[in-house]
């Protein structure tokens, strides 16, 4: 079953079960997918990798929103964003642990022959394709920075 088919099935199931949050979250993903498919330069329907990219983008928006909601003392909105994050995570592949990310970063540093923080771009170029959809970009960037700072 493709990710698109899974989203369609989950939307129908959420409608039948009257699960408003789940239904709204799936609709939000489908809306973002439709926007991505119709923007200038789009090549048509998204494949599973494209859909994972959309889900990651929505996750990042929610994580950024949580920080702002906390600054504004809006616990109700923080709770809603956290619930949406849990629902969005269902549509991503299994996430890498911090140790797995560290191992990928260490291998990329060795492969790039990085000597310090100035080589971050070269290392990120190698790490990003290996972690896309499987680890938070900020976690990966922080791991690369820490590794390069220790050199």
Foldseek 3Di string as FASTA:
>chain_A
DFLVVVLVVQLVVCVVVVVVLLNVLSVVLVVLQVCQCPPPPHPHHDGLLVSLVSLLVLLVVLVVVLVVCVVVVNVVSNVSSVVSNVSSLVSFDAADDLVRLLVLLVVLCVVQVQQAPVCLVSSCVRSCVVHRRRYRPVSNSVSNNVVRHVD
